[in-house]
Amino acid sequence: MPPQVTATASVVCSFGMAPATMDVLPVRRALVEGKPAATIEDTVPMVNLPPFGMCTSLSNPTVASATAAALGALTPMPCVPVPVGPWSPGSPTTLIGGVPALAQGAMCNCAWGGVISVTFAGSVRTVVN
């Protein structure tokens, strides 16, 4: 059973150049170890998911343009995550406000081809099924 994801969880993107700290707003009023608990719906860019430094995906239009201007030399550009769909997998048995809880190891896809994953849940004593 993996730990429950909370605010302060560490997340990474496969095309990002830096890890980021996930933020979870306390809208569902569920706290885990004193921090708001995350659900599979916590994927709002720049709210739940901050930038991952620079993006290296050629599917990202800004990276493609900068790379073309540099005559084909990959030119990373600032990351603005564009998650598509919810986190997966969600907890099959733990619901927070009627929505499946988010556990460490979950992933979501970015529109630019990256895979965003949770590397540290932010909680250490609380697990979800």
Protein backbone atom coordinates (compact mmCIF):
# COMPACT_ATOMS: atom_id res chain seq x y z
CA MET A 1 0.00 0.00 0.00
CA PRO A 2 1.58 3.29 -1.09
CA PRO A 3 1.51 6.52 0.92
CA GLN A 4 -1.25 9.11 0.42
CA VAL A 5 -0.20 12.12 -1.69
CA THR A 6 -0.54 15.48 0.03
CA ALA A 7 0.46 19.09 -0.49
CA THR A 8 4.30 19.21 -0.54
CA ALA A 9 4.56 16.00 -2.61
CA SER A 10 7.49 15.86 -5.03
CA VAL A 11 6.63 15.37 -8.70
CA VAL A 12 8.72 15.09 -11.86
CA CYS A 13 8.08 15.16 -15.60
CA SER A 14 9.97 12.95 -18.02
CA PHE A 15 10.63 15.99 -20.25
CA GLY A 16 11.18 18.48 -17.42
CA MET A 17 14.62 19.45 -16.18
CA ALA A 18 13.76 19.93 -12.47
CA PRO A 19 11.48 18.36 -9.88
CA ALA A 20 8.58 20.38 -8.51
CA THR A 21 6.47 20.48 -5.37
CA MET A 22 2.80 19.71 -5.86
CA ASP A 23 0.26 21.95 -4.20
CA VAL A 24 -3.12 20.71 -3.07
CA LEU A 25 -5.83 23.21 -2.22
CA PRO A 26 -7.90 22.38 0.89
CA VAL A 27 -11.21 22.42 -1.02
CA ARG A 28 -12.18 18.88 0.02
CA ARG A 29 -11.31 19.60 3.66
CA ALA A 30 -9.45 16.33 4.15
CA LEU A 31 -6.09 16.54 5.90
CA VAL A 32 -3.42 13.87 6.07
CA GLU A 33 -0.63 14.46 8.57
CA GLY A 34 -1.77 18.09 8.75
CA LYS A 35 -1.65 18.73 4.97
CA PRO A 36 -4.45 18.75 2.36
CA ALA A 37 -4.92 15.30 0.80
CA ALA A 38 -4.72 14.92 -2.99
CA THR A 39 -7.14 13.20 -5.34
CA ILE A 40 -6.85 12.05 -8.95
CA GLU A 41 -8.45 15.34 -10.04
CA ASP A 42 -5.62 17.53 -8.69
CA THR A 43 -4.04 18.25 -12.09
CA VAL A 44 -4.59 21.99 -12.59
CA PRO A 45 -1.52 23.54 -14.24
CA MET A 46 0.19 26.29 -12.25
CA VAL A 47 -2.13 25.52 -9.29
CA ASN A 48 -1.52 21.85 -8.44
CA LEU A 49 1.34 21.28 -10.88
CA PRO A 50 4.02 23.97 -11.04
CA PRO A 51 6.58 24.17 -13.88
CA PHE A 52 9.33 21.56 -14.06
CA GLY A 53 12.08 24.03 -14.91
CA MET A 54 12.74 23.81 -18.62
CA CYS A 55 10.89 21.56 -21.09
CA THR A 56 12.82 19.43 -23.59
CA SER A 57 9.89 17.96 -25.56
CA LEU A 58 9.84 18.77 -29.26
CA SER A 59 6.05 18.34 -29.09
CA ASN A 60 5.96 21.56 -27.08
CA PRO A 61 5.52 24.36 -29.66
CA THR A 62 7.87 26.75 -27.87
CA VAL A 63 10.64 24.13 -27.73
CA ALA A 64 10.07 23.22 -31.39
CA SER A 65 10.24 26.89 -32.45
CA ALA A 66 13.37 27.60 -30.42
CA THR A 67 15.03 24.42 -31.73
CA ALA A 68 14.19 25.35 -35.33
CA ALA A 69 15.61 28.84 -34.77
CA ALA A 70 18.80 27.22 -33.43
CA LEU A 71 19.14 25.21 -36.68
CA GLY A 72 18.09 21.93 -35.08
CA ALA A 73 20.02 22.15 -31.80
CA LEU A 74 17.62 21.16 -29.02
CA THR A 75 16.75 24.36 -27.17
CA PRO A 76 14.78 23.82 -23.95
CA MET A 77 12.16 26.41 -23.09
CA PRO A 78 10.30 27.20 -19.84
CA CYS A 79 7.90 24.47 -18.80
CA VAL A 80 4.17 25.08 -18.57
CA PRO A 81 2.61 21.70 -17.80
CA VAL A 82 -0.52 20.74 -19.73
CA PRO A 83 -1.87 17.60 -18.04
CA VAL A 84 -4.43 15.58 -19.97
CA GLY A 85 -6.84 13.58 -17.87
CA PRO A 86 -6.64 12.64 -14.22
CA TRP A 87 -3.86 10.89 -12.32
CA SER A 88 -3.80 7.12 -12.71
CA PRO A 89 -4.19 4.83 -10.92
CA GLY A 90 -6.42 6.24 -8.23
CA SER A 91 -7.24 4.42 -5.05
CA PRO A 92 -9.95 1.82 -5.67
CA THR A 93 -11.20 1.99 -2.07
CA THR A 94 -10.29 5.38 -0.55
CA LEU A 95 -12.43 8.34 -1.59
CA ILE A 96 -11.91 11.98 -0.63
CA GLY A 97 -15.04 14.03 -1.27
CA GLY A 98 -16.31 11.27 -3.54
CA VAL A 99 -13.13 11.25 -5.66
CA PRO A 100 -10.44 8.51 -5.57
CA ALA A 101 -7.45 9.39 -3.40
CA LEU A 102 -4.03 9.85 -5.00
CA ALA A 103 -1.16 7.59 -3.91
CA GLN A 104 2.58 7.68 -4.52
CA GLY A 105 3.49 6.07 -7.84
CA ALA A 106 0.55 7.58 -9.72
CA MET A 107 1.16 9.19 -13.10
CA CYS A 108 -0.55 11.58 -15.50
CA ASN A 109 0.28 12.52 -19.06
CA CYS A 110 1.27 15.93 -20.36
CA ALA A 111 -0.02 17.14 -23.73
CA TRP A 112 3.61 17.64 -24.81
CA GLY A 113 4.36 13.91 -24.45
CA GLY A 114 5.80 13.84 -20.94
CA VAL A 115 4.74 11.61 -18.09
CA ILE A 116 4.32 13.34 -14.73
CA SER A 117 4.86 11.09 -11.73
CA VAL A 118 4.86 11.35 -7.95
CA THR A 119 8.27 10.56 -6.46
CA PHE A 120 7.57 11.45 -2.81
CA ALA A 121 4.01 11.49 -1.49
CA GLY A 122 4.44 14.19 1.16
CA SER A 123 3.13 11.82 3.84
CA VAL A 124 5.03 9.02 5.50
CA ARG A 125 2.63 7.38 7.92
CA THR A 126 -0.65 7.36 5.98
CA VAL A 127 -1.28 4.76 3.28
CA VAL A 128 -4.21 4.25 0.90
CA ASN A 129 -5.64 1.04 -0.48
